[in-house]
Amino acid sequence: MAKVRFQMFMEEMQKEALERIQQDSGMSVAELVRIAINNFLSERRKKKEKPVDEITEKLLSVAGICKGGPPDLADSIDEYLYGFPRKK
Protein backbone atom coordinates (compact mmCIF):
# COMPACT_ATOMS: atom_id res chain seq x y z
CA MET A 1 0.00 0.00 0.00
CA ALA A 2 1.37 3.40 -0.94
CA LYS A 3 2.24 5.70 1.91
CA VAL A 4 1.64 9.45 1.92
CA ARG A 5 3.49 12.03 3.95
CA PHE A 6 1.49 13.43 6.86
CA GLN A 7 2.62 15.88 9.50
CA MET A 8 0.89 16.29 12.84
CA PHE A 9 1.26 17.73 16.32
CA MET A 10 1.07 15.61 19.47
CA GLU A 11 1.51 16.15 23.17
CA GLU A 12 5.08 15.85 24.43
CA MET A 13 3.99 13.03 26.77
CA GLN A 14 2.61 11.11 23.76
CA LYS A 15 5.87 11.54 21.85
CA GLU A 16 7.93 10.36 24.83
CA ALA A 17 5.69 7.32 25.33
CA LEU A 18 5.98 6.43 21.64
CA GLU A 19 9.75 6.75 21.79
CA ARG A 20 9.89 4.38 24.81
CA ILE A 21 7.72 1.86 22.96
CA GLN A 22 9.93 2.30 19.89
CA GLN A 23 13.03 1.49 21.90
CA ASP A 24 11.40 -1.61 23.43
CA SER A 25 9.89 -2.91 20.20
CA GLY A 26 12.49 -1.86 17.65
CA MET A 27 9.70 -0.54 15.41
CA SER A 28 9.77 3.00 14.10
CA VAL A 29 7.54 5.64 15.67
CA ALA A 30 5.84 6.05 12.28
CA GLU A 31 5.00 2.33 12.20
CA LEU A 32 3.64 2.51 15.75
CA VAL A 33 1.42 5.44 14.78
CA ARG A 34 0.18 3.55 11.68
CA ILE A 35 -0.66 0.53 13.85
CA ALA A 36 -2.49 2.74 16.35
CA ILE A 37 -4.49 4.38 13.57
CA ASN A 38 -5.39 0.98 12.08
CA ASN A 39 -6.53 -0.25 15.51
CA PHE A 40 -8.63 2.88 15.99
CA LEU A 41 -10.25 2.50 12.57
CA SER A 42 -10.93 -1.19 13.19
CA GLU A 43 -12.60 -0.51 16.54
CA ARG A 44 -14.67 2.28 14.99
CA ARG A 45 -15.86 -0.12 12.26
CA LYS A 46 -16.80 -2.72 14.88
CA LYS A 47 -18.82 -0.18 16.85
CA LYS A 48 -20.76 0.80 13.73
CA GLU A 49 -21.55 -2.88 13.07
CA LYS A 50 -22.79 -3.52 16.62
CA PRO A 51 -26.50 -3.69 17.41
CA VAL A 52 -28.10 -0.60 18.87
CA ASP A 53 -28.70 -2.01 22.34
CA GLU A 54 -27.71 -4.81 24.68
CA ILE A 55 -30.93 -6.81 24.25
CA THR A 56 -30.58 -6.84 20.46
CA GLU A 57 -26.95 -7.92 20.82
CA LYS A 58 -27.92 -10.81 23.11
CA LEU A 59 -30.69 -11.95 20.76
CA LEU A 60 -28.39 -11.82 17.75
CA SER A 61 -25.73 -13.81 19.60
CA VAL A 62 -27.97 -16.91 19.55
CA ALA A 63 -29.03 -16.55 15.92
CA GLY A 64 -27.89 -19.47 13.81
CA ILE A 65 -26.57 -21.65 16.64
CA CYS A 66 -29.04 -24.46 15.96
CA LYS A 67 -28.28 -26.78 13.08
CA GLY A 68 -30.83 -28.96 11.32
CA GLY A 69 -34.45 -29.13 12.36
CA PRO A 70 -37.56 -29.18 10.21
CA PRO A 71 -37.40 -27.00 7.10
CA ASP A 72 -40.80 -25.44 7.89
CA LEU A 73 -39.97 -24.55 11.50
CA ALA A 74 -40.56 -20.81 11.06
CA ASP A 75 -43.95 -21.38 9.41
CA SER A 76 -45.10 -24.11 11.82
CA ILE A 77 -43.62 -22.89 15.10
CA ASP A 78 -46.93 -23.07 17.02
CA GLU A 79 -47.53 -26.64 15.87
CA TYR A 80 -44.05 -27.72 16.98
CA LEU A 81 -44.16 -25.87 20.31
CA TYR A 82 -47.80 -26.25 21.38
CA GLY A 83 -49.27 -28.93 19.12
CA PHE A 84 -51.65 -26.50 17.44
CA PRO A 85 -52.15 -27.28 13.76
CA ARG A 86 -50.91 -24.62 11.38
CA LYS A 87 -53.57 -22.19 10.18
CA LYS A 88 -53.90 -22.28 6.44
PDB file of N, CA and C in Angstrom:
ATOM      1  N   MET A   1       0.844  -1.169   0.000  1.00  0.00           N
ATOM      2  CA  MET A   1       0.000   0.000   0.000  1.00  0.00           C
ATOM      3  C   MET A   1       0.892   1.236   0.000  1.00  0.00           C
ATOM      4  N   ALA A   2       0.567   2.186  -0.838  1.00  0.00           N
ATOM      5  CA  ALA A   2       1.371   3.403  -0.942  1.00  0.00           C
ATOM      6  C   ALA A   2       1.208   4.258   0.312  1.00  0.00           C
ATOM      7  N   LYS A   3       2.281   4.833   0.734  1.00  0.00           N
ATOM      8  CA  LYS A   3       2.238   5.699   1.911  1.00  0.00           C
ATOM      9  C   LYS A   3       2.297   7.146   1.453  1.00  0.00           C
ATOM     10  N   VAL A   4       1.621   8.018   2.202  1.00  0.00           N
ATOM     11  CA  VAL A   4       1.645   9.450   1.916  1.00  0.00           C
ATOM     12  C   VAL A   4       2.221  10.168   3.129  1.00  0.00           C
ATOM     13  N   ARG A   5       2.883  11.256   2.865  1.00  0.00           N
ATOM     14  CA  ARG A   5       3.486  12.032   3.946  1.00  0.00           C
ATOM     15  C   ARG A   5       2.379  12.781   4.681  1.00  0.00           C
ATOM     16  N   PHE A   6       2.478  12.770   6.030  1.00  0.00           N
ATOM     17  CA  PHE A   6       1.486  13.433   6.861  1.00  0.00           C
ATOM     18  C   PHE A   6       2.196  13.984   8.085  1.00  0.00           C
ATOM     19  N   GLN A   7       1.985  15.249   8.349  1.00  0.00           N
ATOM     20  CA  GLN A   7       2.622  15.880   9.497  1.00  0.00           C
ATOM     21  C   GLN A   7       1.550  16.220  10.521  1.00  0.00           C
ATOM     22  N   MET A   8       1.864  16.011  11.806  1.00  0.00           N
ATOM     23  CA  MET A   8       0.890  16.290  12.845  1.00  0.00           C
ATOM     24  C   MET A   8       1.571  16.757  14.117  1.00  0.00           C
ATOM     25  N   PHE A   9       0.773  17.331  15.013  1.00  0.00           N
ATOM     26  CA  PHE A   9       1.262  17.725  16.325  1.00  0.00           C
ATOM     27  C   PHE A   9       0.722  16.740  17.349  1.00  0.00           C
ATOM     28  N   MET A  10       1.534  16.458  18.373  1.00  0.00           N
ATOM     29  CA  MET A  10       1.073  15.611  19.473  1.00  0.00           C
ATOM     30  C   MET A  10       1.631  16.170  20.763  1.00  0.00           C
ATOM     31  N   GLU A  11       1.044  15.732  21.853  1.00  0.00           N
ATOM     32  CA  GLU A  11       1.510  16.149  23.168  1.00  0.00           C
ATOM     33  C   GLU A  11       2.910  15.586  23.395  1.00  0.00           C
ATOM     34  N   GLU A  12       3.717  16.313  24.154  1.00  0.00           N
ATOM     35  CA  GLU A  12       5.081  15.850  24.432  1.00  0.00           C
ATOM     36  C   GLU A  12       5.072  14.496  25.137  1.00  0.00           C
ATOM     37  N   MET A  13       4.116  14.295  26.052  1.00  0.00           N
ATOM     38  CA  MET A  13       3.985  13.030  26.767  1.00  0.00           C
ATOM     39  C   MET A  13       3.711  11.894  25.784  1.00  0.00           C
ATOM     40  N   GLN A  14       2.902  12.130  24.763  1.00  0.00           N
ATOM     41  CA  GLN A  14       2.612  11.111  23.759  1.00  0.00           C
ATOM     42  C   GLN A  14       3.871  10.744  22.984  1.00  0.00           C
ATOM     43  N   LYS A  15       4.638  11.775  22.598  1.00  0.00           N
ATOM     44  CA  LYS A  15       5.875  11.541  21.853  1.00  0.00           C
ATOM     45  C   LYS A  15       6.866  10.736  22.690  1.00  0.00           C
ATOM     46  N   GLU A  16       7.001  11.079  23.962  1.00  0.00           N
ATOM     47  CA  GLU A  16       7.931  10.358  24.832  1.00  0.00           C
ATOM     48  C   GLU A  16       7.489   8.902  25.017  1.00  0.00           C
ATOM     49  N   ALA A  17       6.187   8.687  25.172  1.00  0.00           N
ATOM     50  CA  ALA A  17       5.687   7.320  25.332  1.00  0.00           C
ATOM     51  C   ALA A  17       5.944   6.513  24.064  1.00  0.00           C
ATOM     52  N   LEU A  18       5.717   7.120  22.905  1.00  0.00           N
ATOM     53  CA  LEU A  18       5.980   6.428  21.638  1.00  0.00           C
ATOM     54  C   LEU A  18       7.461   6.089  21.486  1.00  0.00           C
ATOM     55  N   GLU A  19       8.316   7.003  21.894  1.00  0.00           N
ATOM     56  CA  GLU A  19       9.751   6.752  21.788  1.00  0.00           C
ATOM     57  C   GLU A  19      10.182   5.605  22.713  1.00  0.00           C
ATOM     58  N   ARG A  20       9.570   5.501  23.909  1.00  0.00           N
ATOM     59  CA  ARG A  20       9.889   4.381  24.806  1.00  0.00           C
ATOM     60  C   ARG A  20       9.432   3.066  24.183  1.00  0.00           C
ATOM     61  N   ILE A  21       8.228   3.066  23.610  1.00  0.00           N
ATOM     62  CA  ILE A  21       7.724   1.856  22.960  1.00  0.00           C
ATOM     63  C   ILE A  21       8.608   1.502  21.771  1.00  0.00           C
ATOM     64  N   GLN A  22       9.055   2.514  21.057  1.00  0.00           N
ATOM     65  CA  GLN A  22       9.927   2.300  19.888  1.00  0.00           C
ATOM     66  C   GLN A  22      11.233   1.640  20.317  1.00  0.00           C
ATOM     67  N   GLN A  23      11.793   2.077  21.412  1.00  0.00           N
ATOM     68  CA  GLN A  23      13.032   1.485  21.900  1.00  0.00           C
ATOM     69  C   GLN A  23      12.830   0.036  22.326  1.00  0.00           C
ATOM     70  N   ASP A  24      11.682  -0.244  22.970  1.00  0.00           N
ATOM     71  CA  ASP A  24      11.402  -1.605  23.430  1.00  0.00           C
ATOM     72  C   ASP A  24      11.077  -2.557  22.282  1.00  0.00           C
ATOM     73  N   SER A  25      10.381  -2.039  21.274  1.00  0.00           N
ATOM     74  CA  SER A  25       9.892  -2.911  20.202  1.00  0.00           C
ATOM     75  C   SER A  25      10.827  -2.970  18.994  1.00  0.00           C
ATOM     76  N   GLY A  26      11.631  -1.923  18.827  1.00  0.00           N
ATOM     77  CA  GLY A  26      12.494  -1.860  17.650  1.00  0.00           C
ATOM     78  C   GLY A  26      11.751  -1.385  16.404  1.00  0.00           C
ATOM     79  N   MET A  27      10.480  -1.064  16.551  1.00  0.00           N
ATOM     80  CA  MET A  27       9.705  -0.544  15.414  1.00  0.00           C
ATOM     81  C   MET A  27       9.831   0.971  15.385  1.00  0.00           C
ATOM     82  N   SER A  28       9.678   1.546  14.213  1.00  0.00           N
ATOM     83  CA  SER A  28       9.766   3.000  14.105  1.00  0.00           C
ATOM     84  C   SER A  28       8.525   3.645  14.715  1.00  0.00           C
ATOM     85  N   VAL A  29       8.673   4.893  15.133  1.00  0.00           N
ATOM     86  CA  VAL A  29       7.538   5.639  15.667  1.00  0.00           C
ATOM     87  C   VAL A  29       6.446   5.742  14.607  1.00  0.00           C
ATOM     88  N   ALA A  30       6.826   5.955  13.363  1.00  0.00           N
ATOM     89  CA  ALA A  30       5.839   6.050  12.280  1.00  0.00           C
ATOM     90  C   ALA A  30       5.027   4.753  12.175  1.00  0.00           C
ATOM     91  N   GLU A  31       5.704   3.615  12.279  1.00  0.00           N
ATOM     92  CA  GLU A  31       4.996   2.330  12.203  1.00  0.00           C
ATOM     93  C   GLU A  31       4.052   2.165  13.393  1.00  0.00           C
ATOM     94  N   LEU A  32       4.505   2.572  14.572  1.00  0.00           N
ATOM     95  CA  LEU A  32       3.638   2.506  15.753  1.00  0.00           C
ATOM     96  C   LEU A  32       2.393   3.364  15.577  1.00  0.00           C
ATOM     97  N   VAL A  33       2.565   4.547  15.019  1.00  0.00           N
ATOM     98  CA  VAL A  33       1.425   5.437  14.776  1.00  0.00           C
ATOM     99  C   VAL A  33       0.478   4.805  13.751  1.00  0.00           C
ATOM    100  N   ARG A  34       1.032   4.208  12.684  1.00  0.00           N
ATOM    101  CA  ARG A  34       0.175   3.552  11.685  1.00  0.00           C
ATOM    102  C   ARG A  34      -0.622   2.409  12.310  1.00  0.00           C
ATOM    103  N   ILE A  35       0.026   1.624  13.171  1.00  0.00           N
ATOM    104  CA  ILE A  35      -0.665   0.527  13.848  1.00  0.00           C
ATOM    105  C   ILE A  35      -1.780   1.074  14.737  1.00  0.00           C
ATOM    106  N   ALA A  36      -1.477   2.140  15.474  1.00  0.00           N
ATOM    107  CA  ALA A  36      -2.486   2.737  16.355  1.00  0.00           C
ATOM    108  C   ALA A  36      -3.676   3.259  15.548  1.00  0.00           C
ATOM    109  N   ILE A  37      -3.411   3.879  14.417  1.00  0.00           N
ATOM    110  CA  ILE A  37      -4.493   4.382  13.568  1.00  0.00           C
ATOM    111  C   ILE A  37      -5.316   3.223  13.021  1.00  0.00           C
ATOM    112  N   ASN A  38      -4.657   2.152  12.576  1.00  0.00           N
ATOM    113  CA  ASN A  38      -5.389   0.983  12.082  1.00  0.00           C
ATOM    114  C   ASN A  38      -6.267   0.373  13.171  1.00  0.00           C
ATOM    115  N   ASN A  39      -5.741   0.281  14.394  1.00  0.00           N
ATOM    116  CA  ASN A  39      -6.528  -0.253  15.514  1.00  0.00           C
ATOM    117  C   ASN A  39      -7.739   0.633  15.795  1.00  0.00           C
ATOM    118  N   PHE A  40      -7.533   1.937  15.769  1.00  0.00           N
ATOM    119  CA  PHE A  40      -8.627   2.883  15.994  1.00  0.00           C
ATOM    120  C   PHE A  40      -9.707   2.726  14.925  1.00  0.00           C
ATOM    121  N   LEU A  41      -9.290   2.642  13.664  1.00  0.00           N
ATOM    122  CA  LEU A  41     -10.253   2.500  12.571  1.00  0.00           C
ATOM    123  C   LEU A  41     -10.998   1.175  12.653  1.00  0.00           C
ATOM    124  N   SER A  42     -10.313   0.116  13.045  1.00  0.00           N
ATOM    125  CA  SER A  42     -10.934  -1.193  13.186  1.00  0.00           C
ATOM    126  C   SER A  42     -11.989  -1.179  14.298  1.00  0.00           C
ATOM    127  N   GLU A  43     -11.651  -0.598  15.430  1.00  0.00           N
ATOM    128  CA  GLU A  43     -12.604  -0.505  16.545  1.00  0.00           C
ATOM    129  C   GLU A  43     -13.807   0.338  16.158  1.00  0.00           C
ATOM    130  N   ARG A  44     -13.567   1.405  15.432  1.00  0.00           N
ATOM    131  CA  ARG A  44     -14.671   2.278  14.988  1.00  0.00           C
ATOM    132  C   ARG A  44     -15.618   1.512  14.066  1.00  0.00           C
ATOM    133  N   ARG A  45     -15.047   0.703  13.156  1.00  0.00           N
ATOM    134  CA  ARG A  45     -15.863  -0.121  12.261  1.00  0.00           C
ATOM    135  C   ARG A  45     -16.702  -1.110  13.052  1.00  0.00           C
ATOM    136  N   LYS A  46     -16.084  -1.739  14.051  1.00  0.00           N
ATOM    137  CA  LYS A  46     -16.795  -2.716  14.880  1.00  0.00           C
ATOM    138  C   LYS A  46     -17.960  -2.069  15.613  1.00  0.00           C
ATOM    139  N   LYS A  47     -17.742  -0.873  16.138  1.00  0.00           N
ATOM    140  CA  LYS A  47     -18.816  -0.179  16.853  1.00  0.00           C
ATOM    141  C   LYS A  47     -19.978   0.136  15.931  1.00  0.00           C
ATOM    142  N   LYS A  48     -19.692   0.498  14.683  1.00  0.00           N
ATOM    143  CA  LYS A  48     -20.757   0.797  13.733  1.00  0.00           C
ATOM    144  C   LYS A  48     -21.539  -0.453  13.367  1.00  0.00           C
ATOM    145  N   GLU A  49     -20.897  -1.623  13.422  1.00  0.00           N
ATOM    146  CA  GLU A  49     -21.548  -2.879  13.073  1.00  0.00           C
ATOM    147  C   GLU A  49     -22.351  -3.444  14.233  1.00  0.00           C
ATOM    148  N   LYS A  50     -22.124  -2.959  15.441  1.00  0.00           N
ATOM    149  CA  LYS A  50     -22.785  -3.521  16.617  1.00  0.00           C
ATOM    150  C   LYS A  50     -24.262  -3.142  16.638  1.00  0.00           C
ATOM    151  N   PRO A  51     -25.083  -4.010  17.245  1.00  0.00           N
ATOM    152  CA  PRO A  51     -26.504  -3.687  17.406  1.00  0.00           C
ATOM    153  C   PRO A  51     -26.690  -2.441  18.271  1.00  0.00           C
ATOM    154  N   VAL A  52     -27.856  -1.867  18.184  1.00  0.00           N
ATOM    155  CA  VAL A  52     -28.099  -0.602  18.868  1.00  0.00           C
ATOM    156  C   VAL A  52     -28.207  -0.724  20.379  1.00  0.00           C
ATOM    157  N   ASP A  53     -28.601  -1.880  20.889  1.00  0.00           N
ATOM    158  CA  ASP A  53     -28.704  -2.007  22.336  1.00  0.00           C
ATOM    159  C   ASP A  53     -28.288  -3.408  22.801  1.00  0.00           C
ATOM    160  N   GLU A  54     -28.200  -3.563  24.100  1.00  0.00           N
ATOM    161  CA  GLU A  54     -27.706  -4.813  24.683  1.00  0.00           C
ATOM    162  C   GLU A  54     -28.656  -5.984  24.419  1.00  0.00           C
ATOM    163  N   ILE A  55     -29.962  -5.729  24.476  1.00  0.00           N
ATOM    164  CA  ILE A  55     -30.935  -6.807  24.247  1.00  0.00           C
ATOM    165  C   ILE A  55     -30.817  -7.333  22.823  1.00  0.00           C
ATOM    166  N   THR A  56     -30.726  -6.429  21.856  1.00  0.00           N
ATOM    167  CA  THR A  56     -30.576  -6.844  20.461  1.00  0.00           C
ATOM    168  C   THR A  56     -29.299  -7.648  20.289  1.00  0.00           C
ATOM    169  N   GLU A  57     -28.224  -7.207  20.922  1.00  0.00           N
ATOM    170  CA  GLU A  57     -26.947  -7.918  20.821  1.00  0.00           C
ATOM    171  C   GLU A  57     -27.072  -9.338  21.383  1.00  0.00           C
ATOM    172  N   LYS A  58     -27.749  -9.487  22.517  1.00  0.00           N
ATOM    173  CA  LYS A  58     -27.922 -10.810  23.109  1.00  0.00           C
ATOM    174  C   LYS A  58     -28.769 -11.712  22.210  1.00  0.00           C
ATOM    175  N   LEU A  59     -29.838 -11.160  21.651  1.00  0.00           N
ATOM    176  CA  LEU A  59     -30.687 -11.953  20.765  1.00  0.00           C
ATOM    177  C   LEU A  59     -29.923 -12.392  19.520  1.00  0.00           C
ATOM    178  N   LEU A  60     -29.152 -11.480  18.949  1.00  0.00           N
ATOM    179  CA  LEU A  60     -28.388 -11.820  17.750  1.00  0.00           C
ATOM    180  C   LEU A  60     -27.277 -12.830  18.045  1.00  0.00           C
ATOM    181  N   SER A  61     -26.815 -12.876  19.283  1.00  0.00           N
ATOM    182  CA  SER A  61     -25.733 -13.806  19.605  1.00  0.00           C
ATOM    183  C   SER A  61     -26.189 -15.262  19.530  1.00  0.00           C
ATOM    184  N   VAL A  62     -27.486 -15.535  19.640  1.00  0.00           N
ATOM    185  CA  VAL A  62     -27.973 -16.907  19.546  1.00  0.00           C
ATOM    186  C   VAL A  62     -28.464 -17.261  18.150  1.00  0.00           C
ATOM    187  N   ALA A  63     -28.548 -16.290  17.285  1.00  0.00           N
ATOM    188  CA  ALA A  63     -29.033 -16.551  15.921  1.00  0.00           C
ATOM    189  C   ALA A  63     -28.090 -17.513  15.207  1.00  0.00           C
ATOM    190  N   GLY A  64     -28.665 -18.546  14.620  1.00  0.00           N
ATOM    191  CA  GLY A  64     -27.888 -19.473  13.813  1.00  0.00           C
ATOM    192  C   GLY A  64     -27.130 -20.534  14.582  1.00  0.00           C
ATOM    193  N   ILE A  65     -27.342 -20.651  15.902  1.00  0.00           N
ATOM    194  CA  ILE A  65     -26.566 -21.649  16.644  1.00  0.00           C
ATOM    195  C   ILE A  65     -27.155 -23.048  16.523  1.00  0.00           C
ATOM    196  N   CYS A  66     -28.412 -23.144  16.127  1.00  0.00           N
ATOM    197  CA  CYS A  66     -29.037 -24.460  15.958  1.00  0.00           C
ATOM    198  C   CYS A  66     -28.834 -24.938  14.527  1.00  0.00           C
ATOM    199  N   LYS A  67     -28.475 -26.182  14.404  1.00  0.00           N
ATOM    200  CA  LYS A  67     -28.283 -26.779  13.076  1.00  0.00           C
ATOM    201  C   LYS A  67     -29.366 -27.824  12.865  1.00  0.00           C
ATOM    202  N   GLY A  68     -29.824 -27.956  11.637  1.00  0.00           N
ATOM    203  CA  GLY A  68     -30.828 -28.963  11.320  1.00  0.00           C
ATOM    204  C   GLY A  68     -32.213 -28.502  11.720  1.00  0.00           C
ATOM    205  N   GLY A  69     -33.082 -29.460  12.000  1.00  0.00           N
ATOM    206  CA  GLY A  69     -34.448 -29.135  12.360  1.00  0.00           C
ATOM    207  C   GLY A  69     -35.333 -29.173  11.130  1.00  0.00           C
ATOM    208  N   PRO A  70     -36.644 -29.103  11.340  1.00  0.00           N
ATOM    209  CA  PRO A  70     -37.561 -29.176  10.210  1.00  0.00           C
ATOM    210  C   PRO A  70     -37.428 -27.945   9.311  1.00  0.00           C
ATOM    211  N   PRO A  71     -37.554 -28.135   8.014  1.00  0.00           N
ATOM    212  CA  PRO A  71     -37.397 -27.001   7.103  1.00  0.00           C
ATOM    213  C   PRO A  71     -38.524 -25.976   7.217  1.00  0.00           C
ATOM    214  N   ASP A  72     -39.678 -26.370   7.773  1.00  0.00           N
ATOM    215  CA  ASP A  72     -40.802 -25.440   7.892  1.00  0.00           C
ATOM    216  C   ASP A  72     -40.958 -24.924   9.321  1.00  0.00           C
ATOM    217  N   LEU A  73     -39.898 -24.935  10.095  1.00  0.00           N
ATOM    218  CA  LEU A  73     -39.972 -24.547  11.500  1.00  0.00           C
ATOM    219  C   LEU A  73     -40.549 -23.147  11.677  1.00  0.00           C
ATOM    220  N   ALA A  74     -40.086 -22.191  10.904  1.00  0.00           N
ATOM    221  CA  ALA A  74     -40.560 -20.814  11.061  1.00  0.00           C
ATOM    222  C   ALA A  74     -42.056 -20.718  10.780  1.00  0.00           C
ATOM    223  N   ASP A  75     -42.537 -21.442   9.773  1.00  0.00           N
ATOM    224  CA  ASP A  75     -43.947 -21.375   9.408  1.00  0.00           C
ATOM    225  C   ASP A  75     -44.827 -22.159  10.373  1.00  0.00           C
ATOM    226  N   SER A  76     -44.295 -23.206  10.988  1.00  0.00           N
ATOM    227  CA  SER A  76     -45.100 -24.107  11.818  1.00  0.00           C
ATOM    228  C   SER A  76     -44.680 -24.081  13.284  1.00  0.00           C
ATOM    229  N   ILE A  77     -44.173 -22.964  13.750  1.00  0.00           N
ATOM    230  CA  ILE A  77     -43.622 -22.894  15.104  1.00  0.00           C
ATOM    231  C   ILE A  77     -44.653 -23.251  16.167  1.00  0.00           C
ATOM    232  N   ASP A  78     -45.903 -22.769  16.019  1.00  0.00           N
ATOM    233  CA  ASP A  78     -46.928 -23.067  17.018  1.00  0.00           C
ATOM    234  C   ASP A  78     -47.245 -24.562  17.073  1.00  0.00           C
ATOM    235  N   GLU A  79     -47.273 -25.199  15.919  1.00  0.00           N
ATOM    236  CA  GLU A  79     -47.531 -26.639  15.870  1.00  0.00           C
ATOM    237  C   GLU A  79     -46.419 -27.399  16.600  1.00  0.00           C
ATOM    238  N   TYR A  80     -45.170 -27.022  16.342  1.00  0.00           N
ATOM    239  CA  TYR A  80     -44.052 -27.721  16.977  1.00  0.00           C
ATOM    240  C   TYR A  80     -43.984 -27.443  18.481  1.00  0.00           C
ATOM    241  N   LEU A  81     -44.276 -26.210  18.894  1.00  0.00           N
ATOM    242  CA  LEU A  81     -44.163 -25.866  20.311  1.00  0.00           C
ATOM    243  C   LEU A  81     -45.377 -26.303  21.125  1.00  0.00           C
ATOM    244  N   TYR A  82     -46.580 -26.059  20.596  1.00  0.00           N
ATOM    245  CA  TYR A  82     -47.795 -26.245  21.382  1.00  0.00           C
ATOM    246  C   TYR A  82     -48.733 -27.341  20.847  1.00  0.00           C
ATOM    247  N   GLY A  83     -48.427 -27.896  19.696  1.00  0.00           N
ATOM    248  CA  GLY A  83     -49.272 -28.930  19.122  1.00  0.00           C
ATOM    249  C   GLY A  83     -50.474 -28.388  18.362  1.00  0.00           C
ATOM    250  N   PHE A  84     -50.535 -27.076  18.199  1.00  0.00           N
ATOM    251  CA  PHE A  84     -51.651 -26.501  17.436  1.00  0.00           C
ATOM    252  C   PHE A  84     -51.377 -26.670  15.959  1.00  0.00           C
ATOM    253  N   PRO A  85     -52.376 -27.144  15.203  1.00  0.00           N
ATOM    254  CA  PRO A  85     -52.151 -27.276  13.760  1.00  0.00           C
ATOM    255  C   PRO A  85     -51.974 -25.893  13.116  1.00  0.00           C
ATOM    256  N   ARG A  86     -51.197 -25.866  12.101  1.00  0.00           N
ATOM    257  CA  ARG A  86     -50.914 -24.625  11.380  1.00  0.00           C
ATOM    258  C   ARG A  86     -52.167 -24.116  10.697  1.00  0.00           C
ATOM    259  N   LYS A  87     -52.419 -22.805  10.841  1.00  0.00           N
ATOM    260  CA  LYS A  87     -53.565 -22.195  10.177  1.00  0.00           C
ATOM    261  C   LYS A  87     -53.234 -22.011   8.714  1.00  0.00           C
ATOM    262  N   LYS A  88     -54.151 -22.380   7.878  1.00  0.00           N
ATOM    263  CA  LYS A  88     -53.895 -22.279   6.443  1.00  0.00           C
ATOM    264  C   LYS A  88     -54.669 -21.172   5.839  1.00  0.00           C
TER     265      LYS A  88
END
